Amino acid sequence: MVKRPVLIAVSLALLVQNSWAAEIAAPRRAELLNLLKHDCGSCHGLSLKGGLGPALTPDKLTGKPVDFLATTILYGRYGTPMPPWRPFLSDPEALWLAEQIKAGVR
């Protein structure tokens, strides 16, 4: 069995390597923003200012690299209610979504 830190390291390497690989089509970007608003918003608050999960605002995410956020999106946070979204998102999609969150796009 592969340990979680190894999975995270491999995922980060893949994210960096593949970040340029696929442009996200406009319809899929709209779906991802809908996911952010409704699915992420159900825990992080509809305005992403916090709820069950922490706030996902640019000021609260200062110092957190985009690839760290993308890995959190993909694999969740062990021991917390944050689920892994890996079954629903590709590496480039998670990276794009993390960039949007970090930029404050709603």
N, C-alpha and C. Protein backbone atom coordinates (compact mmCIF):
# COMPACT_ATOMS: atom_id res chain seq x y z
N MET A 1 0.85 -1.19 0.00
CA MET A 1 0.00 0.00 0.00
C MET A 1 0.89 1.24 0.00
N VAL A 2 0.54 2.20 -0.84
CA VAL A 2 1.30 3.44 -0.94
C VAL A 2 0.86 4.38 0.17
N LYS A 3 1.82 4.97 0.84
CA LYS A 3 1.51 5.89 1.94
C LYS A 3 1.04 7.23 1.40
N ARG A 4 0.21 7.90 2.17
CA ARG A 4 -0.40 9.17 1.78
C ARG A 4 0.63 10.24 1.39
N PRO A 5 1.73 10.44 2.14
CA PRO A 5 2.69 11.47 1.73
C PRO A 5 3.29 11.20 0.34
N VAL A 6 3.46 9.92 0.02
CA VAL A 6 3.99 9.57 -1.30
C VAL A 6 2.96 9.93 -2.38
N LEU A 7 1.69 9.62 -2.12
CA LEU A 7 0.64 9.97 -3.07
C LEU A 7 0.57 11.48 -3.30
N ILE A 8 0.70 12.23 -2.24
CA ILE A 8 0.64 13.68 -2.35
C ILE A 8 1.83 14.19 -3.15
N ALA A 9 3.02 13.68 -2.89
CA ALA A 9 4.21 14.10 -3.63
C ALA A 9 4.09 13.78 -5.11
N VAL A 10 3.59 12.59 -5.42
CA VAL A 10 3.41 12.20 -6.82
C VAL A 10 2.36 13.08 -7.47
N SER A 11 1.28 13.34 -6.76
CA SER A 11 0.22 14.19 -7.30
C SER A 11 0.74 15.60 -7.59
N LEU A 12 1.52 16.15 -6.68
CA LEU A 12 2.08 17.49 -6.90
C LEU A 12 2.95 17.51 -8.14
N ALA A 13 3.76 16.48 -8.31
CA ALA A 13 4.63 16.40 -9.48
C ALA A 13 3.79 16.33 -10.76
N LEU A 14 2.72 15.54 -10.73
CA LEU A 14 1.85 15.43 -11.89
C LEU A 14 1.13 16.74 -12.18
N LEU A 15 0.70 17.43 -11.13
CA LEU A 15 0.02 18.71 -11.33
C LEU A 15 0.95 19.72 -12.00
N VAL A 16 2.17 19.80 -11.51
CA VAL A 16 3.12 20.75 -12.09
C VAL A 16 3.42 20.36 -13.53
N GLN A 17 3.61 19.07 -13.78
CA GLN A 17 3.94 18.58 -15.11
C GLN A 17 2.77 18.78 -16.08
N ASN A 18 1.55 18.56 -15.63
CA ASN A 18 0.39 18.57 -16.51
C ASN A 18 -0.38 19.88 -16.51
N SER A 19 0.07 20.88 -15.76
CA SER A 19 -0.72 22.11 -15.64
C SER A 19 -0.93 22.79 -16.99
N TRP A 20 -0.03 22.59 -17.92
CA TRP A 20 -0.14 23.20 -19.23
C TRP A 20 -0.83 22.29 -20.22
N ALA A 21 -1.02 21.02 -19.87
CA ALA A 21 -1.37 19.98 -20.83
C ALA A 21 -2.75 20.13 -21.46
N ALA A 22 -3.73 20.55 -20.70
CA ALA A 22 -5.08 20.57 -21.26
C ALA A 22 -5.78 21.87 -20.93
N GLU A 23 -6.27 22.51 -21.94
CA GLU A 23 -7.12 23.69 -21.73
C GLU A 23 -8.49 23.18 -21.33
N ILE A 24 -9.07 23.80 -20.35
CA ILE A 24 -10.40 23.40 -19.89
C ILE A 24 -11.42 24.11 -20.78
N ALA A 25 -12.28 23.34 -21.42
CA ALA A 25 -13.31 23.90 -22.31
C ALA A 25 -14.29 24.77 -21.51
N ALA A 26 -14.85 25.77 -22.16
CA ALA A 26 -15.76 26.71 -21.49
C ALA A 26 -16.94 26.01 -20.80
N PRO A 27 -17.59 25.01 -21.43
CA PRO A 27 -18.69 24.35 -20.71
C PRO A 27 -18.22 23.65 -19.43
N ARG A 28 -17.03 23.05 -19.48
CA ARG A 28 -16.52 22.38 -18.28
C ARG A 28 -16.14 23.40 -17.22
N ARG A 29 -15.59 24.55 -17.62
CA ARG A 29 -15.28 25.60 -16.65
C ARG A 29 -16.55 26.05 -15.93
N ALA A 30 -17.64 26.18 -16.68
CA ALA A 30 -18.92 26.56 -16.06
C ALA A 30 -19.37 25.49 -15.07
N GLU A 31 -19.19 24.22 -15.41
CA GLU A 31 -19.54 23.13 -14.49
C GLU A 31 -18.69 23.20 -13.23
N LEU A 32 -17.40 23.48 -13.40
CA LEU A 32 -16.49 23.55 -12.25
C LEU A 32 -16.86 24.72 -11.33
N LEU A 33 -17.23 25.85 -11.92
CA LEU A 33 -17.64 26.99 -11.09
C LEU A 33 -18.95 26.69 -10.38
N ASN A 34 -19.84 25.94 -11.02
CA ASN A 34 -21.08 25.52 -10.38
C ASN A 34 -20.76 24.58 -9.21
N LEU A 35 -19.82 23.67 -9.41
CA LEU A 35 -19.37 22.78 -8.34
C LEU A 35 -18.81 23.59 -7.18
N LEU A 36 -18.02 24.59 -7.48
CA LEU A 36 -17.44 25.45 -6.45
C LEU A 36 -18.55 26.14 -5.65
N LYS A 37 -19.50 26.71 -6.35
CA LYS A 37 -20.56 27.46 -5.67
C LYS A 37 -21.44 26.54 -4.83
N HIS A 38 -21.86 25.44 -5.39
CA HIS A 38 -22.85 24.61 -4.72
C HIS A 38 -22.25 23.50 -3.85
N ASP A 39 -21.35 22.73 -4.41
CA ASP A 39 -20.80 21.61 -3.64
C ASP A 39 -19.78 22.08 -2.60
N CYS A 40 -18.82 22.88 -3.03
CA CYS A 40 -17.84 23.40 -2.07
C CYS A 40 -18.53 24.35 -1.08
N GLY A 41 -19.46 25.15 -1.63
CA GLY A 41 -20.19 26.11 -0.81
C GLY A 41 -21.04 25.48 0.27
N SER A 42 -21.43 24.22 0.08
CA SER A 42 -22.25 23.57 1.10
C SER A 42 -21.49 23.41 2.41
N CYS A 43 -20.17 23.32 2.35
CA CYS A 43 -19.37 23.23 3.59
C CYS A 43 -18.60 24.52 3.88
N HIS A 44 -18.11 25.17 2.84
CA HIS A 44 -17.28 26.36 3.02
C HIS A 44 -18.09 27.64 3.04
N GLY A 45 -19.41 27.51 2.99
CA GLY A 45 -20.30 28.67 2.97
C GLY A 45 -20.59 29.08 1.54
N LEU A 46 -21.82 29.48 1.27
CA LEU A 46 -22.20 29.83 -0.11
C LEU A 46 -21.38 30.97 -0.68
N SER A 47 -20.87 31.84 0.17
CA SER A 47 -19.98 32.90 -0.30
C SER A 47 -18.51 32.52 -0.07
N LEU A 48 -18.28 31.28 0.33
CA LEU A 48 -16.95 30.71 0.60
C LEU A 48 -16.22 31.45 1.71
N LYS A 49 -16.98 32.07 2.61
CA LYS A 49 -16.38 32.79 3.73
C LYS A 49 -16.31 31.93 4.99
N GLY A 50 -16.56 30.64 4.83
CA GLY A 50 -16.45 29.71 5.95
C GLY A 50 -17.77 29.16 6.39
N GLY A 51 -17.71 28.00 6.98
CA GLY A 51 -18.87 27.29 7.50
C GLY A 51 -18.32 26.08 8.24
N LEU A 52 -18.76 24.90 7.88
CA LEU A 52 -18.16 23.69 8.43
C LEU A 52 -16.68 23.65 8.05
N GLY A 53 -16.39 24.03 6.80
CA GLY A 53 -15.01 24.12 6.32
C GLY A 53 -14.51 25.55 6.43
N PRO A 54 -13.20 25.73 6.34
CA PRO A 54 -12.64 27.08 6.47
C PRO A 54 -12.99 27.97 5.28
N ALA A 55 -12.80 29.26 5.45
CA ALA A 55 -13.03 30.22 4.37
C ALA A 55 -12.07 29.93 3.21
N LEU A 56 -12.59 30.12 2.00
CA LEU A 56 -11.78 29.97 0.79
C LEU A 56 -11.69 31.31 0.07
N THR A 57 -11.28 32.31 0.81
CA THR A 57 -11.13 33.65 0.25
C THR A 57 -9.65 33.92 0.01
N PRO A 58 -9.32 34.79 -0.96
CA PRO A 58 -7.91 35.05 -1.24
C PRO A 58 -7.10 35.44 -0.02
N ASP A 59 -7.65 36.27 0.87
CA ASP A 59 -6.89 36.68 2.05
C ASP A 59 -6.63 35.50 3.00
N LYS A 60 -7.56 34.57 3.10
CA LYS A 60 -7.37 33.40 3.97
C LYS A 60 -6.44 32.37 3.34
N LEU A 61 -6.25 32.44 2.02
CA LEU A 61 -5.41 31.47 1.32
C LEU A 61 -4.01 32.02 1.02
N THR A 62 -3.72 33.21 1.51
CA THR A 62 -2.39 33.78 1.32
C THR A 62 -1.34 32.81 1.87
N GLY A 63 -0.32 32.56 1.08
CA GLY A 63 0.76 31.68 1.51
C GLY A 63 0.52 30.21 1.19
N LYS A 64 -0.66 29.88 0.68
CA LYS A 64 -0.94 28.50 0.30
C LYS A 64 -0.77 28.38 -1.22
N PRO A 65 0.20 27.60 -1.67
CA PRO A 65 0.42 27.46 -3.11
C PRO A 65 -0.77 26.81 -3.82
N VAL A 66 -0.97 27.17 -5.06
CA VAL A 66 -2.07 26.63 -5.86
C VAL A 66 -1.97 25.11 -5.95
N ASP A 67 -0.77 24.58 -6.11
CA ASP A 67 -0.65 23.12 -6.21
C ASP A 67 -1.04 22.42 -4.90
N PHE A 68 -0.80 23.06 -3.77
CA PHE A 68 -1.25 22.51 -2.49
C PHE A 68 -2.78 22.48 -2.43
N LEU A 69 -3.41 23.56 -2.88
CA LEU A 69 -4.87 23.61 -2.90
C LEU A 69 -5.45 22.57 -3.84
N ALA A 70 -4.84 22.41 -5.02
CA ALA A 70 -5.31 21.42 -5.98
C ALA A 70 -5.19 20.01 -5.41
N THR A 71 -4.12 19.72 -4.72
CA THR A 71 -3.93 18.41 -4.11
C THR A 71 -4.96 18.18 -3.02
N THR A 72 -5.26 19.22 -2.25
CA THR A 72 -6.30 19.11 -1.23
C THR A 72 -7.65 18.82 -1.87
N ILE A 73 -7.94 19.50 -2.98
CA ILE A 73 -9.19 19.26 -3.69
C ILE A 73 -9.25 17.80 -4.16
N LEU A 74 -8.17 17.32 -4.73
CA LEU A 74 -8.16 15.96 -5.29
C LEU A 74 -8.22 14.87 -4.22
N TYR A 75 -7.48 15.05 -3.14
CA TYR A 75 -7.32 13.97 -2.16
C TYR A 75 -8.00 14.23 -0.82
N GLY A 76 -8.61 15.38 -0.65
CA GLY A 76 -9.27 15.68 0.61
C GLY A 76 -8.27 15.92 1.72
N ARG A 77 -8.76 16.00 2.94
CA ARG A 77 -7.92 16.20 4.12
C ARG A 77 -8.25 15.10 5.10
N TYR A 78 -7.34 14.19 5.29
CA TYR A 78 -7.54 13.06 6.19
C TYR A 78 -7.89 13.56 7.59
N GLY A 79 -8.88 12.94 8.20
CA GLY A 79 -9.27 13.29 9.56
C GLY A 79 -10.18 14.52 9.64
N THR A 80 -10.61 15.02 8.48
CA THR A 80 -11.53 16.16 8.45
C THR A 80 -12.71 15.79 7.54
N PRO A 81 -13.74 16.61 7.50
CA PRO A 81 -14.86 16.34 6.58
C PRO A 81 -14.54 16.59 5.10
N MET A 82 -13.35 17.14 4.79
CA MET A 82 -13.01 17.44 3.39
C MET A 82 -12.84 16.14 2.61
N PRO A 83 -13.75 15.90 1.64
CA PRO A 83 -13.68 14.65 0.86
C PRO A 83 -12.72 14.77 -0.32
N PRO A 84 -12.28 13.66 -0.84
CA PRO A 84 -11.49 13.68 -2.08
C PRO A 84 -12.41 13.86 -3.29
N TRP A 85 -12.06 14.76 -4.17
CA TRP A 85 -12.84 14.99 -5.38
C TRP A 85 -12.19 14.33 -6.59
N ARG A 86 -11.17 13.51 -6.35
CA ARG A 86 -10.44 12.81 -7.42
C ARG A 86 -11.37 12.04 -8.37
N PRO A 87 -12.42 11.38 -7.88
CA PRO A 87 -13.27 10.65 -8.84
C PRO A 87 -13.98 11.55 -9.85
N PHE A 88 -14.06 12.84 -9.58
CA PHE A 88 -14.85 13.73 -10.42
C PHE A 88 -14.01 14.75 -11.18
N LEU A 89 -12.74 14.91 -10.81
CA LEU A 89 -11.90 15.96 -11.39
C LEU A 89 -10.57 15.40 -11.88
N SER A 90 -10.10 15.93 -12.99
CA SER A 90 -8.76 15.60 -13.47
C SER A 90 -7.75 16.52 -12.78
N ASP A 91 -6.47 16.21 -12.93
CA ASP A 91 -5.43 17.08 -12.37
C ASP A 91 -5.54 18.51 -12.91
N PRO A 92 -5.64 18.70 -14.25
CA PRO A 92 -5.75 20.08 -14.75
C PRO A 92 -7.01 20.79 -14.26
N GLU A 93 -8.11 20.06 -14.11
CA GLU A 93 -9.34 20.69 -13.61
C GLU A 93 -9.18 21.13 -12.16
N ALA A 94 -8.56 20.29 -11.34
CA ALA A 94 -8.34 20.66 -9.93
C ALA A 94 -7.40 21.86 -9.84
N LEU A 95 -6.39 21.88 -10.69
CA LEU A 95 -5.46 23.01 -10.69
C LEU A 95 -6.17 24.29 -11.13
N TRP A 96 -6.99 24.21 -12.18
CA TRP A 96 -7.74 25.37 -12.64
C TRP A 96 -8.69 25.87 -11.55
N LEU A 97 -9.39 24.94 -10.90
CA LEU A 97 -10.31 25.31 -9.84
C LEU A 97 -9.56 25.97 -8.68
N ALA A 98 -8.41 25.43 -8.32
CA ALA A 98 -7.60 26.03 -7.24
C ALA A 98 -7.16 27.44 -7.62
N GLU A 99 -6.79 27.63 -8.88
CA GLU A 99 -6.41 28.97 -9.34
C GLU A 99 -7.58 29.95 -9.23
N GLN A 100 -8.78 29.48 -9.56
CA GLN A 100 -9.97 30.33 -9.46
C GLN A 100 -10.26 30.70 -8.02
N ILE A 101 -10.16 29.72 -7.13
CA ILE A 101 -10.41 29.96 -5.71
C ILE A 101 -9.39 30.97 -5.17
N LYS A 102 -8.13 30.75 -5.51
CA LYS A 102 -7.06 31.62 -5.03
C LYS A 102 -7.24 33.06 -5.55
N ALA A 103 -7.79 33.18 -6.76
CA ALA A 103 -8.01 34.51 -7.36
C ALA A 103 -9.30 35.17 -6.87
N GLY A 104 -10.12 34.42 -6.16
CA GLY A 104 -11.36 34.99 -5.63
C GLY A 104 -12.52 34.95 -6.59
N VAL A 105 -12.43 34.12 -7.63
CA VAL A 105 -13.53 34.00 -8.60
C VAL A 105 -14.66 33.23 -7.93
N ARG A 106 -15.87 33.71 -8.11
CA ARG A 106 -17.05 33.03 -7.51
C ARG A 106 -17.95 32.64 -8.62
